[in-house]
Structure formats: C-alpha cells, structure tokens
Amino acid sequence: MTRFPMPALAGILCLALAALSALAAPESASVVAQLRQGGLVLVMRHASSPSNPPDKQSADRQNVKLERQLDEKGRATASAMGKAFRAIGIAVGTVYSSPTYRARETVRLAGWGTPRLADELGDQGHSMARIQGAGPADWLRAKVREAPEPGGNTILVTHMPNIVAAFPALADGLEDGEAMVFRPAGKGEPKLVAKIPISEWPTLAKAK
C-alpha cells in the first residue's frame, strides 16, 4: 500500500475537493435550468416541525385543531424557499398538499397559493406512523409519472412515511423540507433529477 507524506496527502485532498466543487456548479446550473423550463415533479417533505402538537397558548391562530405546526426553523426555511423560487423564476404549476396543518403551512409560507388537498398525501391521522397499505404509495407514484401542465412544475408536499413507501430506494436520509425532483416518464419509471435540501434553495437562487 502506498503511503503519502502528510503534506502530499493534504494536497491530494484539496485537489479532490476542488474537483468535486467544479462538478457541483454545472450540475446545480443544469437543475436550475430544468426547473425554470418546467416539466418536473417535486416530491417534498414538509418543513421542520416538532414531533408534538402545541398547546392552545402556543398554537398558531389558524391552527384551530391543535395539530403539529412548523417550528421557527420550518417557518424560516419555507419562506426562504418560496423567495428563492421566485428569484430563480421557477414556474409553480399544480400544488398538491397533505391536509395536515404543517404541510399546508409549508405551502402557504412558500407563497404557492391554495393547494389541492389530497388525503393520499396525509399522515392518516397517525402523525409519524408508517403508512399502511399500498394505496397512498401507488397514488404518489402515479402522480410523479404525470406530466405537469405546460411550462410548470408540479409540487407535492407530504410526509416521510409516504415518500419512503413510494420510493424506498431513493428516500433514505431525506431531511425535513427536502425535495426529490423527478422527470416524469408516463407509464415508465420517473427519473430522479436531484435531491435538494430546503436550505439549499437560497444558494441556488444566488448562483443562477
């Protein structure tokens, strides 16, 4: 086994990091260009939310059912994501959302208008419980295969269990608010174009 002196090893690591950075910029630019052109489907986990619902004193005024709601980080990142979408020029087409308050709040703070609520995107009333049965997963996969309206991108805001059930091989490690960007393929399998953490949207906006 070849052993490198520490200075040489440090130099090699720097070159490797530089190469990765050089690759990352064109890939990011490509994804931004595709999003601006439209025709993609974004499957998004709702923004950051505590695992427990609030009490009446700390709940949002609109959260009359005292459901889980976004925390400070979730509200900030959802708002920043929406601003980044507008700065980049991403055309938002049809937006589907889980009926849960935290998912609808993500859509509202992003400024994406009134979403179409879909029970199939919900948490089945069990918060973070794993989705039972194939129905919601099949519905989500079918929506990802559908072509968006011309010039727009479809957005689906849902929960981690739904995403894992629909795309078990792709959803590992998906963070709060992270989006999986797909190119639909009709009856075929959609292509995963990118996975974008919610915190990265402002960076993409600056680099566009």
N, C-alpha and C. Protein backbone atom coordinates (compact mmCIF):
# COMPACT_ATOMS: atom_id res chain seq x y z
N MET A 1 0.85 -1.19 0.00
CA MET A 1 0.00 0.00 0.00
C MET A 1 0.89 1.24 0.00
N THR A 2 0.60 2.17 -0.92
CA THR A 2 1.38 3.40 -1.00
C THR A 2 1.01 4.33 0.14
N ARG A 3 2.01 4.88 0.81
CA ARG A 3 1.78 5.84 1.89
C ARG A 3 2.28 7.21 1.45
N PHE A 4 1.42 8.22 1.61
CA PHE A 4 1.79 9.57 1.22
C PHE A 4 2.20 10.37 2.46
N PRO A 5 3.24 11.21 2.35
CA PRO A 5 3.55 12.14 3.44
C PRO A 5 2.35 13.05 3.70
N MET A 6 2.19 13.52 4.93
CA MET A 6 1.02 14.33 5.28
C MET A 6 0.83 15.54 4.39
N PRO A 7 1.89 16.33 4.05
CA PRO A 7 1.67 17.47 3.16
C PRO A 7 1.15 17.04 1.80
N ALA A 8 1.70 15.93 1.27
CA ALA A 8 1.25 15.45 -0.04
C ALA A 8 -0.20 15.00 0.04
N LEU A 9 -0.55 14.32 1.14
CA LEU A 9 -1.93 13.84 1.30
C LEU A 9 -2.89 15.01 1.39
N ALA A 10 -2.48 16.05 2.09
CA ALA A 10 -3.34 17.24 2.20
C ALA A 10 -3.56 17.87 0.83
N GLY A 11 -2.50 17.88 0.02
CA GLY A 11 -2.63 18.44 -1.32
C GLY A 11 -3.58 17.64 -2.19
N ILE A 12 -3.49 16.32 -2.07
CA ILE A 12 -4.38 15.46 -2.84
C ILE A 12 -5.83 15.68 -2.44
N LEU A 13 -6.09 15.81 -1.12
CA LEU A 13 -7.44 16.05 -0.66
C LEU A 13 -7.98 17.38 -1.16
N CYS A 14 -7.14 18.39 -1.17
CA CYS A 14 -7.57 19.70 -1.68
C CYS A 14 -7.95 19.63 -3.15
N LEU A 15 -7.13 18.90 -3.94
CA LEU A 15 -7.43 18.74 -5.37
C LEU A 15 -8.74 17.99 -5.56
N ALA A 16 -8.96 16.97 -4.73
CA ALA A 16 -10.20 16.19 -4.85
C ALA A 16 -11.41 17.05 -4.53
N LEU A 17 -11.31 17.88 -3.47
CA LEU A 17 -12.41 18.76 -3.11
C LEU A 17 -12.67 19.79 -4.20
N ALA A 18 -11.61 20.29 -4.78
CA ALA A 18 -11.75 21.27 -5.86
C ALA A 18 -12.46 20.65 -7.06
N ALA A 19 -12.11 19.39 -7.34
CA ALA A 19 -12.75 18.69 -8.47
C ALA A 19 -14.23 18.50 -8.21
N LEU A 20 -14.57 18.14 -6.96
CA LEU A 20 -15.98 17.95 -6.62
C LEU A 20 -16.75 19.26 -6.73
N SER A 21 -16.12 20.36 -6.28
CA SER A 21 -16.77 21.66 -6.37
C SER A 21 -16.99 22.06 -7.82
N ALA A 22 -16.02 21.75 -8.66
CA ALA A 22 -16.14 22.09 -10.08
C ALA A 22 -17.28 21.32 -10.73
N LEU A 23 -17.51 20.09 -10.27
CA LEU A 23 -18.60 19.30 -10.82
C LEU A 23 -19.94 19.79 -10.29
N ALA A 24 -19.97 20.26 -9.03
CA ALA A 24 -21.23 20.62 -8.41
C ALA A 24 -21.87 21.82 -9.08
N ALA A 25 -21.06 22.81 -9.49
CA ALA A 25 -21.62 24.03 -10.07
C ALA A 25 -22.38 23.77 -11.37
N PRO A 26 -21.81 23.07 -12.36
CA PRO A 26 -22.57 22.78 -13.57
C PRO A 26 -23.82 21.96 -13.31
N GLU A 27 -23.73 20.99 -12.38
CA GLU A 27 -24.90 20.17 -12.07
C GLU A 27 -26.01 21.03 -11.49
N SER A 28 -25.67 21.95 -10.58
CA SER A 28 -26.66 22.85 -10.00
C SER A 28 -27.28 23.74 -11.07
N ALA A 29 -26.43 24.26 -11.96
CA ALA A 29 -26.93 25.11 -13.04
C ALA A 29 -27.88 24.34 -13.94
N SER A 30 -27.59 23.08 -14.17
CA SER A 30 -28.46 22.26 -15.02
C SER A 30 -29.82 22.05 -14.37
N VAL A 31 -29.82 21.76 -13.08
CA VAL A 31 -31.08 21.56 -12.37
C VAL A 31 -31.91 22.84 -12.37
N VAL A 32 -31.26 23.99 -12.11
CA VAL A 32 -31.96 25.27 -12.12
C VAL A 32 -32.57 25.54 -13.49
N ALA A 33 -31.81 25.27 -14.54
CA ALA A 33 -32.32 25.49 -15.89
C ALA A 33 -33.53 24.62 -16.18
N GLN A 34 -33.48 23.37 -15.73
CA GLN A 34 -34.62 22.47 -15.95
C GLN A 34 -35.85 22.92 -15.17
N LEU A 35 -35.64 23.40 -13.94
CA LEU A 35 -36.76 23.88 -13.13
C LEU A 35 -37.39 25.13 -13.75
N ARG A 36 -36.57 25.99 -14.32
CA ARG A 36 -37.11 27.20 -14.96
C ARG A 36 -37.87 26.84 -16.22
N GLN A 37 -37.45 25.81 -16.89
CA GLN A 37 -38.13 25.37 -18.11
C GLN A 37 -39.45 24.69 -17.80
N GLY A 38 -39.55 24.03 -16.65
CA GLY A 38 -40.78 23.33 -16.27
C GLY A 38 -40.75 21.88 -16.70
N GLY A 39 -41.82 21.17 -16.37
CA GLY A 39 -41.93 19.78 -16.76
C GLY A 39 -41.46 18.79 -15.72
N LEU A 40 -41.12 19.26 -14.50
CA LEU A 40 -40.62 18.39 -13.45
C LEU A 40 -41.67 18.23 -12.34
N VAL A 41 -41.47 17.20 -11.53
CA VAL A 41 -42.36 16.94 -10.39
C VAL A 41 -41.51 16.91 -9.13
N LEU A 42 -41.88 17.73 -8.15
CA LEU A 42 -41.15 17.80 -6.88
C LEU A 42 -41.96 17.14 -5.79
N VAL A 43 -41.39 16.11 -5.19
CA VAL A 43 -41.99 15.45 -4.03
C VAL A 43 -41.25 15.96 -2.81
N MET A 44 -41.96 16.68 -1.97
CA MET A 44 -41.30 17.41 -0.89
C MET A 44 -41.81 16.98 0.48
N ARG A 45 -40.89 16.78 1.39
CA ARG A 45 -41.25 16.57 2.78
C ARG A 45 -41.55 17.93 3.40
N HIS A 46 -42.60 18.04 4.21
CA HIS A 46 -42.93 19.33 4.82
C HIS A 46 -41.75 19.86 5.62
N ALA A 47 -41.73 21.16 5.85
CA ALA A 47 -40.63 21.81 6.56
C ALA A 47 -40.60 21.38 8.03
N SER A 48 -39.54 21.77 8.71
CA SER A 48 -39.26 21.32 10.07
C SER A 48 -40.43 21.57 11.04
N SER A 49 -40.77 20.52 11.78
CA SER A 49 -41.89 20.58 12.71
C SER A 49 -41.57 19.74 13.95
N PRO A 50 -41.89 20.23 15.15
CA PRO A 50 -41.69 19.42 16.35
C PRO A 50 -42.54 18.16 16.29
N SER A 51 -42.14 17.14 17.00
CA SER A 51 -42.86 15.87 16.97
C SER A 51 -44.16 15.91 17.75
N ASN A 52 -44.32 16.91 18.61
CA ASN A 52 -45.54 17.02 19.41
C ASN A 52 -46.36 18.25 19.01
N PRO A 53 -47.68 18.16 19.07
CA PRO A 53 -48.51 19.32 18.76
C PRO A 53 -48.41 20.38 19.85
N PRO A 54 -48.74 21.62 19.54
CA PRO A 54 -48.64 22.70 20.53
C PRO A 54 -49.85 22.70 21.48
N ASP A 55 -49.71 23.38 22.60
CA ASP A 55 -50.89 23.60 23.44
C ASP A 55 -51.63 24.83 22.91
N LYS A 56 -52.76 25.13 23.49
CA LYS A 56 -53.60 26.20 22.96
C LYS A 56 -52.90 27.55 23.00
N GLN A 57 -52.08 27.78 24.02
CA GLN A 57 -51.41 29.08 24.18
C GLN A 57 -50.33 29.30 23.12
N SER A 58 -49.65 28.24 22.69
CA SER A 58 -48.55 28.40 21.74
C SER A 58 -48.93 28.07 20.30
N ALA A 59 -50.16 27.67 20.06
CA ALA A 59 -50.58 27.31 18.71
C ALA A 59 -50.82 28.54 17.86
N ASP A 60 -50.58 28.42 16.55
CA ASP A 60 -50.94 29.48 15.62
C ASP A 60 -52.44 29.72 15.69
N ARG A 61 -52.86 30.93 15.39
CA ARG A 61 -54.30 31.24 15.41
C ARG A 61 -55.07 30.38 14.42
N GLN A 62 -54.44 30.10 13.27
CA GLN A 62 -55.12 29.31 12.25
C GLN A 62 -55.15 27.82 12.59
N ASN A 63 -54.33 27.41 13.54
CA ASN A 63 -54.21 26.01 13.90
C ASN A 63 -55.26 25.66 14.95
N VAL A 64 -56.52 25.71 14.54
CA VAL A 64 -57.62 25.56 15.49
C VAL A 64 -57.76 24.13 16.00
N LYS A 65 -57.26 23.16 15.24
CA LYS A 65 -57.36 21.76 15.68
C LYS A 65 -56.15 21.32 16.51
N LEU A 66 -55.26 22.26 16.78
CA LEU A 66 -54.05 21.99 17.57
C LEU A 66 -53.26 20.81 17.00
N GLU A 67 -53.03 20.89 15.69
CA GLU A 67 -52.18 19.91 15.02
C GLU A 67 -50.71 20.31 15.17
N ARG A 68 -49.84 19.40 14.80
CA ARG A 68 -48.42 19.77 14.73
C ARG A 68 -48.26 20.93 13.75
N GLN A 69 -47.39 21.86 14.06
CA GLN A 69 -47.15 23.01 13.21
C GLN A 69 -45.65 23.20 13.05
N LEU A 70 -45.27 24.05 12.10
CA LEU A 70 -43.86 24.27 11.86
C LEU A 70 -43.22 25.00 13.04
N ASP A 71 -41.96 24.68 13.28
CA ASP A 71 -41.21 25.42 14.28
C ASP A 71 -40.57 26.64 13.61
N GLU A 72 -39.77 27.38 14.37
CA GLU A 72 -39.16 28.61 13.85
C GLU A 72 -38.30 28.31 12.62
N LYS A 73 -37.52 27.24 12.68
CA LYS A 73 -36.69 26.86 11.55
C LYS A 73 -37.56 26.51 10.34
N GLY A 74 -38.63 25.77 10.56
CA GLY A 74 -39.50 25.38 9.46
C GLY A 74 -40.14 26.57 8.79
N ARG A 75 -40.60 27.53 9.59
CA ARG A 75 -41.22 28.72 9.01
C ARG A 75 -40.21 29.53 8.21
N ALA A 76 -39.00 29.68 8.76
CA ALA A 76 -37.98 30.48 8.09
C ALA A 76 -37.55 29.84 6.77
N THR A 77 -37.32 28.53 6.80
CA THR A 77 -36.83 27.87 5.58
C THR A 77 -37.91 27.77 4.52
N ALA A 78 -39.17 27.59 4.93
CA ALA A 78 -40.26 27.54 3.94
C ALA A 78 -40.41 28.89 3.25
N SER A 79 -40.34 29.97 4.03
CA SER A 79 -40.43 31.31 3.45
C SER A 79 -39.24 31.59 2.53
N ALA A 80 -38.03 31.22 2.96
CA ALA A 80 -36.84 31.45 2.14
C ALA A 80 -36.89 30.63 0.86
N MET A 81 -37.43 29.42 0.93
CA MET A 81 -37.57 28.59 -0.26
C MET A 81 -38.48 29.26 -1.28
N GLY A 82 -39.62 29.78 -0.82
CA GLY A 82 -40.53 30.45 -1.73
C GLY A 82 -39.91 31.66 -2.40
N LYS A 83 -39.14 32.45 -1.62
CA LYS A 83 -38.46 33.61 -2.19
C LYS A 83 -37.43 33.18 -3.24
N ALA A 84 -36.75 32.07 -2.95
CA ALA A 84 -35.75 31.56 -3.90
C ALA A 84 -36.41 31.09 -5.20
N PHE A 85 -37.57 30.43 -5.08
CA PHE A 85 -38.29 30.01 -6.28
C PHE A 85 -38.60 31.21 -7.16
N ARG A 86 -39.06 32.30 -6.55
CA ARG A 86 -39.41 33.49 -7.33
C ARG A 86 -38.17 34.16 -7.91
N ALA A 87 -37.08 34.16 -7.15
CA ALA A 87 -35.84 34.76 -7.65
C ALA A 87 -35.27 33.97 -8.83
N ILE A 88 -35.36 32.65 -8.73
CA ILE A 88 -34.85 31.79 -9.81
C ILE A 88 -35.75 31.86 -11.04
N GLY A 89 -37.06 32.06 -10.80
CA GLY A 89 -38.01 32.06 -11.90
C GLY A 89 -38.60 30.69 -12.15
N ILE A 90 -38.76 29.91 -11.09
CA ILE A 90 -39.34 28.58 -11.22
C ILE A 90 -40.86 28.71 -11.32
N ALA A 91 -41.41 28.18 -12.38
CA ALA A 91 -42.85 28.24 -12.59
C ALA A 91 -43.52 27.15 -11.77
N VAL A 92 -44.37 27.56 -10.84
CA VAL A 92 -45.09 26.61 -10.00
C VAL A 92 -46.43 26.30 -10.65
N GLY A 93 -46.63 25.04 -10.99
CA GLY A 93 -47.89 24.62 -11.58
C GLY A 93 -48.85 24.18 -10.50
N THR A 94 -49.39 22.98 -10.64
CA THR A 94 -50.32 22.45 -9.64
C THR A 94 -49.58 22.06 -8.38
N VAL A 95 -50.11 22.48 -7.24
CA VAL A 95 -49.53 22.13 -5.95
C VAL A 95 -50.51 21.24 -5.19
N TYR A 96 -50.05 20.06 -4.83
CA TYR A 96 -50.84 19.14 -4.01
C TYR A 96 -50.24 19.13 -2.61
N SER A 97 -51.11 19.02 -1.61
CA SER A 97 -50.61 19.02 -0.24
C SER A 97 -51.36 18.01 0.61
N SER A 98 -50.66 17.47 1.58
CA SER A 98 -51.30 16.74 2.67
C SER A 98 -52.28 17.69 3.35
N PRO A 99 -53.39 17.18 3.86
CA PRO A 99 -54.33 18.05 4.58
C PRO A 99 -53.82 18.52 5.94
N THR A 100 -52.71 17.99 6.43
CA THR A 100 -52.23 18.36 7.75
C THR A 100 -51.81 19.83 7.78
N TYR A 101 -51.91 20.42 8.96
CA TYR A 101 -51.60 21.84 9.11
C TYR A 101 -50.16 22.13 8.74
N ARG A 102 -49.22 21.30 9.17
CA ARG A 102 -47.80 21.58 8.92
C ARG A 102 -47.45 21.52 7.43
N ALA A 103 -48.13 20.68 6.67
CA ALA A 103 -47.90 20.64 5.22
C ALA A 103 -48.51 21.87 4.55
N ARG A 104 -49.74 22.21 4.94
CA ARG A 104 -50.40 23.39 4.36
C ARG A 104 -49.65 24.66 4.72
N GLU A 105 -49.07 24.69 5.92
CA GLU A 105 -48.29 25.85 6.35
C GLU A 105 -47.02 25.99 5.51
N THR A 106 -46.41 24.88 5.15
CA THR A 106 -45.24 24.91 4.28
C THR A 106 -45.59 25.55 2.94
N VAL A 107 -46.72 25.15 2.37
CA VAL A 107 -47.18 25.71 1.09
C VAL A 107 -47.49 27.19 1.24
N ARG A 108 -48.19 27.54 2.30
CA ARG A 108 -48.59 28.95 2.49
C ARG A 108 -47.38 29.86 2.63
N LEU A 109 -46.42 29.45 3.46
CA LEU A 109 -45.25 30.30 3.69
C LEU A 109 -44.35 30.38 2.45
N ALA A 110 -44.39 29.35 1.62
CA ALA A 110 -43.64 29.40 0.37
C ALA A 110 -44.31 30.31 -0.66
N GLY A 111 -45.57 30.67 -0.41
CA GLY A 111 -46.27 31.56 -1.33
C GLY A 111 -46.75 30.89 -2.60
N TRP A 112 -47.17 29.63 -2.47
CA TRP A 112 -47.57 28.85 -3.64
C TRP A 112 -49.08 28.79 -3.84
N GLY A 113 -49.81 29.68 -3.21
CA GLY A 113 -51.24 29.74 -3.42
C GLY A 113 -51.99 28.64 -2.68
N THR A 114 -53.22 28.41 -3.10
CA THR A 114 -54.07 27.41 -2.45
C THR A 114 -53.83 26.04 -3.08
N PRO A 115 -53.35 25.08 -2.30
CA PRO A 115 -53.05 23.76 -2.87
C PRO A 115 -54.29 22.89 -2.99
N ARG A 116 -54.17 21.85 -3.78
CA ARG A 116 -55.19 20.81 -3.82
C ARG A 116 -54.88 19.83 -2.69
N LEU A 117 -55.78 19.70 -1.76
CA LEU A 117 -55.56 18.79 -0.64
C LEU A 117 -55.87 17.36 -1.05
N ALA A 118 -54.97 16.47 -0.73
CA ALA A 118 -55.12 15.06 -1.11
C ALA A 118 -54.94 14.20 0.14
N ASP A 119 -55.98 13.44 0.47
CA ASP A 119 -55.89 12.55 1.62
C ASP A 119 -54.74 11.55 1.47
N GLU A 120 -54.44 11.18 0.23
CA GLU A 120 -53.38 10.20 -0.03
C GLU A 120 -52.00 10.73 0.39
N LEU A 121 -51.87 12.05 0.50
CA LEU A 121 -50.61 12.64 0.93
C LEU A 121 -50.56 12.86 2.45
N GLY A 122 -51.66 12.56 3.13
CA GLY A 122 -51.74 12.83 4.56
C GLY A 122 -51.01 11.81 5.41
N ASP A 123 -51.10 12.02 6.73
CA ASP A 123 -50.43 11.11 7.65
C ASP A 123 -51.39 10.09 8.23
N GLN A 124 -52.59 10.00 7.61
CA GLN A 124 -53.61 9.04 8.02
C GLN A 124 -54.03 9.23 9.48
N GLY A 125 -53.81 10.44 10.00
CA GLY A 125 -54.21 10.73 11.36
C GLY A 125 -53.32 10.13 12.43
N HIS A 126 -52.14 9.65 12.01
CA HIS A 126 -51.26 8.98 12.96
C HIS A 126 -49.90 9.67 13.08
N SER A 127 -49.85 10.95 12.77
CA SER A 127 -48.61 11.71 12.86
C SER A 127 -47.50 11.02 12.08
N MET A 128 -46.48 10.49 12.76
CA MET A 128 -45.35 9.92 12.05
C MET A 128 -45.46 8.40 11.87
N ALA A 129 -46.63 7.83 12.13
CA ALA A 129 -46.78 6.38 11.96
C ALA A 129 -46.57 5.98 10.51
N ARG A 130 -46.03 4.81 10.30
CA ARG A 130 -45.78 4.33 8.95
C ARG A 130 -47.09 4.08 8.22
N ILE A 131 -47.14 4.50 6.96
CA ILE A 131 -48.35 4.34 6.16
C ILE A 131 -48.63 2.86 5.92
N GLN A 132 -49.87 2.47 6.14
CA GLN A 132 -50.26 1.09 5.95
C GLN A 132 -50.94 0.92 4.59
N GLY A 133 -50.63 -0.17 3.90
CA GLY A 133 -51.27 -0.44 2.62
C GLY A 133 -50.58 0.26 1.47
N ALA A 134 -50.92 -0.19 0.26
CA ALA A 134 -50.24 0.31 -0.94
C ALA A 134 -50.93 1.53 -1.55
N GLY A 135 -52.15 1.85 -1.10
CA GLY A 135 -52.92 2.92 -1.73
C GLY A 135 -52.20 4.25 -1.83
N PRO A 136 -51.78 4.87 -0.71
CA PRO A 136 -51.09 6.17 -0.79
C PRO A 136 -49.81 6.12 -1.62
N ALA A 137 -49.04 5.03 -1.47
CA ALA A 137 -47.78 4.92 -2.22
C ALA A 137 -48.06 4.81 -3.73
N ASP A 138 -49.05 4.02 -4.10
CA ASP A 138 -49.41 3.88 -5.51
C ASP A 138 -49.89 5.21 -6.08
N TRP A 139 -50.68 5.94 -5.29
CA TRP A 139 -51.20 7.24 -5.74
C TRP A 139 -50.05 8.21 -5.98
N LEU A 140 -49.10 8.25 -5.05
CA LEU A 140 -47.97 9.16 -5.17
C LEU A 140 -47.11 8.82 -6.37
N ARG A 141 -46.82 7.54 -6.57
CA ARG A 141 -46.03 7.14 -7.74
C ARG A 141 -46.75 7.52 -9.05
N ALA A 142 -48.07 7.36 -9.07
CA ALA A 142 -48.84 7.70 -10.26
C ALA A 142 -48.76 9.20 -10.56
N LYS A 143 -48.83 10.01 -9.51
CA LYS A 143 -48.76 11.46 -9.70
C LYS A 143 -47.39 11.88 -10.21
N VAL A 144 -46.35 11.21 -9.75
CA VAL A 144 -44.99 11.54 -10.20
C VAL A 144 -44.81 11.19 -11.67
N ARG A 145 -45.55 10.23 -12.16
CA ARG A 145 -45.46 9.85 -13.58
C ARG A 145 -46.20 10.82 -14.49
N GLU A 146 -47.12 11.61 -13.94
CA GLU A 146 -47.93 12.51 -14.75
C GLU A 146 -47.13 13.75 -15.18
N ALA A 147 -47.27 14.12 -16.43
CA ALA A 147 -46.60 15.33 -16.91
C ALA A 147 -47.27 16.57 -16.33
N PRO A 148 -46.51 17.55 -15.84
CA PRO A 148 -47.11 18.79 -15.33
C PRO A 148 -47.76 19.58 -16.46
N GLU A 149 -48.51 20.58 -16.09
CA GLU A 149 -49.09 21.48 -17.09
C GLU A 149 -47.95 22.18 -17.83
N PRO A 150 -48.14 22.51 -19.11
CA PRO A 150 -47.04 23.09 -19.90
C PRO A 150 -46.38 24.29 -19.23
N GLY A 151 -45.06 24.25 -19.15
CA GLY A 151 -44.29 25.36 -18.59
C GLY A 151 -44.23 25.40 -17.09
N GLY A 152 -44.90 24.47 -16.40
CA GLY A 152 -44.92 24.50 -14.95
C GLY A 152 -44.29 23.26 -14.34
N ASN A 153 -44.13 23.28 -13.05
CA ASN A 153 -43.64 22.14 -12.28
C ASN A 153 -44.69 21.76 -11.24
N THR A 154 -44.97 20.50 -11.12
CA THR A 154 -45.91 20.02 -10.11
C THR A 154 -45.18 19.85 -8.78
N ILE A 155 -45.83 20.25 -7.70
CA ILE A 155 -45.25 20.11 -6.36
C ILE A 155 -46.20 19.31 -5.49
N LEU A 156 -45.67 18.31 -4.79
CA LEU A 156 -46.45 17.51 -3.85
C LEU A 156 -45.78 17.58 -2.49
N VAL A 157 -46.49 18.12 -1.50
CA VAL A 157 -45.95 18.26 -0.14
C VAL A 157 -46.59 17.20 0.74
N THR A 158 -45.76 16.36 1.32
CA THR A 158 -46.28 15.22 2.06
C THR A 158 -45.39 14.91 3.26
N HIS A 159 -45.40 13.64 3.68
CA HIS A 159 -44.70 13.21 4.89
C HIS A 159 -43.72 12.10 4.58
N MET A 160 -42.71 11.98 5.42
CA MET A 160 -41.65 11.00 5.19
C MET A 160 -42.17 9.57 5.00
N PRO A 161 -43.11 9.08 5.82
CA PRO A 161 -43.58 7.70 5.61
C PRO A 161 -44.16 7.47 4.22
N ASN A 162 -44.88 8.46 3.68
CA ASN A 162 -45.43 8.32 2.33
C ASN A 162 -44.32 8.24 1.29
N ILE A 163 -43.31 9.08 1.45
CA ILE A 163 -42.22 9.11 0.48
C ILE A 163 -41.43 7.81 0.53
N VAL A 164 -41.17 7.32 1.73
CA VAL A 164 -40.44 6.06 1.87
C VAL A 164 -41.24 4.90 1.27
N ALA A 165 -42.55 4.91 1.50
CA ALA A 165 -43.40 3.84 0.96
C ALA A 165 -43.41 3.85 -0.56
N ALA A 166 -43.39 5.05 -1.16
CA ALA A 166 -43.45 5.15 -2.62
C ALA A 166 -42.09 4.95 -3.27
N PHE A 167 -41.03 5.44 -2.62
CA PHE A 167 -39.69 5.41 -3.23
C PHE A 167 -38.66 4.92 -2.21
N PRO A 168 -38.76 3.68 -1.76
CA PRO A 168 -37.89 3.19 -0.69
C PRO A 168 -36.41 3.24 -1.01
N ALA A 169 -36.06 3.07 -2.29
CA ALA A 169 -34.64 3.03 -2.66
C ALA A 169 -34.05 4.43 -2.80
N LEU A 170 -34.89 5.47 -2.81
CA LEU A 170 -34.41 6.82 -3.09
C LEU A 170 -34.54 7.78 -1.91
N ALA A 171 -35.38 7.43 -0.95
CA ALA A 171 -35.75 8.38 0.10
C ALA A 171 -34.89 8.30 1.35
N ASP A 172 -33.90 7.46 1.37
CA ASP A 172 -33.08 7.29 2.57
C ASP A 172 -32.42 8.61 2.98
N GLY A 173 -32.60 8.98 4.23
CA GLY A 173 -31.95 10.17 4.75
C GLY A 173 -32.58 11.48 4.35
N LEU A 174 -33.77 11.46 3.77
CA LEU A 174 -34.43 12.70 3.34
C LEU A 174 -34.71 13.58 4.54
N GLU A 175 -34.31 14.83 4.48
CA GLU A 175 -34.43 15.75 5.60
C GLU A 175 -35.77 16.48 5.57
N ASP A 176 -36.12 17.14 6.68
CA ASP A 176 -37.30 18.00 6.71
C ASP A 176 -37.21 19.03 5.58
N GLY A 177 -38.26 19.13 4.80
CA GLY A 177 -38.30 20.13 3.74
C GLY A 177 -37.54 19.77 2.48
N GLU A 178 -36.84 18.65 2.48
CA GLU A 178 -36.05 18.28 1.30
C GLU A 178 -36.96 17.83 0.16
N ALA A 179 -36.57 18.15 -1.06
CA ALA A 179 -37.37 17.82 -2.24
C ALA A 179 -36.64 16.82 -3.12
N MET A 180 -37.39 15.85 -3.60
CA MET A 180 -36.90 14.93 -4.63
C MET A 180 -37.47 15.42 -5.96
N VAL A 181 -36.60 15.74 -6.90
CA VAL A 181 -37.02 16.31 -8.18
C VAL A 181 -37.00 15.21 -9.23
N PHE A 182 -38.17 14.96 -9.82
CA PHE A 182 -38.31 13.89 -10.80
C PHE A 182 -38.66 14.45 -12.18
N ARG A 183 -38.21 13.72 -13.21
CA ARG A 183 -38.71 13.95 -14.55
C ARG A 183 -39.67 12.81 -14.85
N PRO A 184 -40.98 13.12 -15.05
CA PRO A 184 -41.96 12.06 -15.27
C PRO A 184 -41.71 11.32 -16.58
N ALA A 185 -42.20 10.08 -16.61
CA ALA A 185 -41.97 9.25 -17.80
C ALA A 185 -43.22 8.49 -18.21
N GLY A 186 -44.39 9.12 -18.01
CA GLY A 186 -45.63 8.46 -18.41
C GLY A 186 -45.82 7.15 -17.66
N LYS A 187 -45.90 6.07 -18.40
CA LYS A 187 -46.10 4.76 -17.78
C LYS A 187 -44.79 4.16 -17.27
N GLY A 188 -43.66 4.72 -17.69
CA GLY A 188 -42.37 4.21 -17.24
C GLY A 188 -41.99 4.76 -15.89
N GLU A 189 -40.81 4.37 -15.43
CA GLU A 189 -40.32 4.85 -14.14
C GLU A 189 -39.78 6.27 -14.28
N PRO A 190 -40.20 7.19 -13.41
CA PRO A 190 -39.68 8.56 -13.47
C PRO A 190 -38.20 8.59 -13.11
N LYS A 191 -37.49 9.58 -13.65
CA LYS A 191 -36.06 9.71 -13.38
C LYS A 191 -35.84 10.72 -12.26
N LEU A 192 -35.05 10.33 -11.26
CA LEU A 192 -34.68 11.27 -10.20
C LEU A 192 -33.61 12.21 -10.73
N VAL A 193 -33.93 13.50 -10.81
CA VAL A 193 -33.01 14.50 -11.33
C VAL A 193 -32.09 15.03 -10.23
N ALA A 194 -32.66 15.24 -9.04
CA ALA A 194 -31.87 15.80 -7.93
C ALA A 194 -32.62 15.64 -6.63
N LYS A 195 -31.89 15.73 -5.53
CA LYS A 195 -32.46 15.84 -4.19
C LYS A 195 -31.95 17.16 -3.62
N ILE A 196 -32.87 18.05 -3.26
CA ILE A 196 -32.48 19.40 -2.86
C ILE A 196 -32.97 19.70 -1.44
N PRO A 197 -32.05 19.81 -0.47
CA PRO A 197 -32.45 20.20 0.88
C PRO A 197 -33.09 21.59 0.86
N ILE A 198 -34.01 21.82 1.77
CA ILE A 198 -34.73 23.10 1.77
C ILE A 198 -33.78 24.28 2.00
N SER A 199 -32.69 24.05 2.71
CA SER A 199 -31.74 25.14 2.99
C SER A 199 -30.92 25.53 1.76
N GLU A 200 -30.94 24.70 0.70
CA GLU A 200 -30.11 24.96 -0.47
C GLU A 200 -30.78 25.87 -1.50
N TRP A 201 -32.09 26.07 -1.40
CA TRP A 201 -32.76 26.88 -2.42
C TRP A 201 -32.22 28.31 -2.50
N PRO A 202 -31.98 29.00 -1.38
CA PRO A 202 -31.40 30.35 -1.48
C PRO A 202 -30.03 30.34 -2.14
N THR A 203 -29.23 29.29 -1.92
CA THR A 203 -27.92 29.19 -2.55
C THR A 203 -28.07 29.04 -4.06
N LEU A 204 -29.03 28.24 -4.49
CA LEU A 204 -29.29 28.08 -5.93
C LEU A 204 -29.75 29.40 -6.55
N ALA A 205 -30.53 30.17 -5.78
CA ALA A 205 -31.00 31.46 -6.29
C ALA A 205 -29.85 32.42 -6.51
N LYS A 206 -28.88 32.40 -5.60
CA LYS A 206 -27.74 33.31 -5.73
C LYS A 206 -26.84 32.90 -6.89
N ALA A 207 -26.80 31.60 -7.20
CA ALA A 207 -25.89 31.10 -8.22
C ALA A 207 -26.51 31.04 -9.61
N LYS A 208 -27.77 31.40 -9.73
CA LYS A 208 -28.45 31.22 -11.02
C LYS A 208 -27.84 32.09 -12.11
